[in-house]
């Protein structure tokens, strides 16, 4: 083996350089370059994955027989949905999230829900006693769960060979290292090499692995970008730790869609699946209160109703404040400009505060109309009809643009007992089969006339 050389890799985008750089010329981030040891191997051209046929010949696409991937039911409906129907044998799943958000709790709870399946939890962050205390707090069957506190990848894989479990969790990829490379545990070289060796082991043994990863201060997964390319699925576990709700999203999924969404409620005895988030996110005491509007939102392919709260008051200082929680602040400023220019409400000398109830962050532009309705309601101190909900994207000209999955939004509003829903007039579809009143509007002013008249 040749003498190893040194190169520098950007932890944000994976760009390489022969020397240390202060700013990455590819992604523009500062202070992201880290040292990496490169070991030149004579067999560098040989595929790492042993189960790939090295004598494979090209085949016509129509001659290939496609079969559905076998799935392991994890007995967790939200996680099964996000994974695309269950865990695929031999797959490698990366689960990331902020510290304390519940990544380890979710992984341990899922293993304890497997019943007769043999599962293995290897932790490089906690001792077996700490894991025992956490397992006692969670509801589940730990009879076939094996745990280990280990930071050596070689020893972890040896334990997996001896146990032959059905599902393996490694917590976390930044706390384990391999003896194959001379680098500090948690470095770019170690993280990349460990992930590649775990992937090789998972594919050859047909054992699914779930590895937990840390995130950086920007909120993206820590480590080299190649880590996300190696794994089959990347899951992001997010939420405000001050609230009880957690959201599980798929950022990458080779075996399913990335548009699915899982919602959990953090409780003392672990994470509880939220099968109907609309009923939990809506307040029952909103009737008669100004500054509250209900929006029919969709996250991924899942519709639910959210409560948009706004507070408009006279500016106490010279410069009015614009603050939003759970909603893009730049989009709020744009919507306020539309409200002033197209509707005629002067908010230059007033503070505007916006909040999405429940601690959720919503990126669906279909809640624009509800945001403006809540601001209008608070500014005029007039309560909106509690049995009316809204959906529609607002353009710069004050027009209400069509949104996707409108029938799912209407069906969700009808199921929750709403009497009326305001939708864009350009929305196509047959809504006569719904018992809820569907009111199409073209402009923001038309929607406001209906709301104030009600």
Foldseek 3Di string as FASTA:
>chain_A
DDDKDKWKAFFPAGDIDRDDDQADPPPGDGPRIDIDIGDDDPCVVPDPAPPDDPPDDDDDPVPDDDDAFDFDDLVDVQVCVQQARHHGFLFEEEEEEAPPLQPVLVVVLSCQANPPFAEEEEEQPDQVVVVVVLVVLADGHCPRYHYYHDQELVVVVVVCVVSVTQEYEYHALQRHAYPPDPDDRNAQNGSVVSLSVVSNSRNVSRHYYYHYFYPDPVTHTGHHPVSVVSGQWYWYWDFDPVFFKIKIFTPHHNNHDRLRIWMWGQDRNGTDGDPAVQVVQDDPPQPPFALWAKAFDGGRNDTHIWIKGKAKAFAPDDFAAQEEALEDSVVVVLLVVLCCPVVNDDRRGIHMYMYTGRRHRDPGQQCSLVNVRSHVRNVVVHRWDPLEHETFHADSNQWTDADPPVVNSLVNSVVVPRQEYEGAPPDDDDPVVGNHHYHHDTGSVVVVVVGVVD
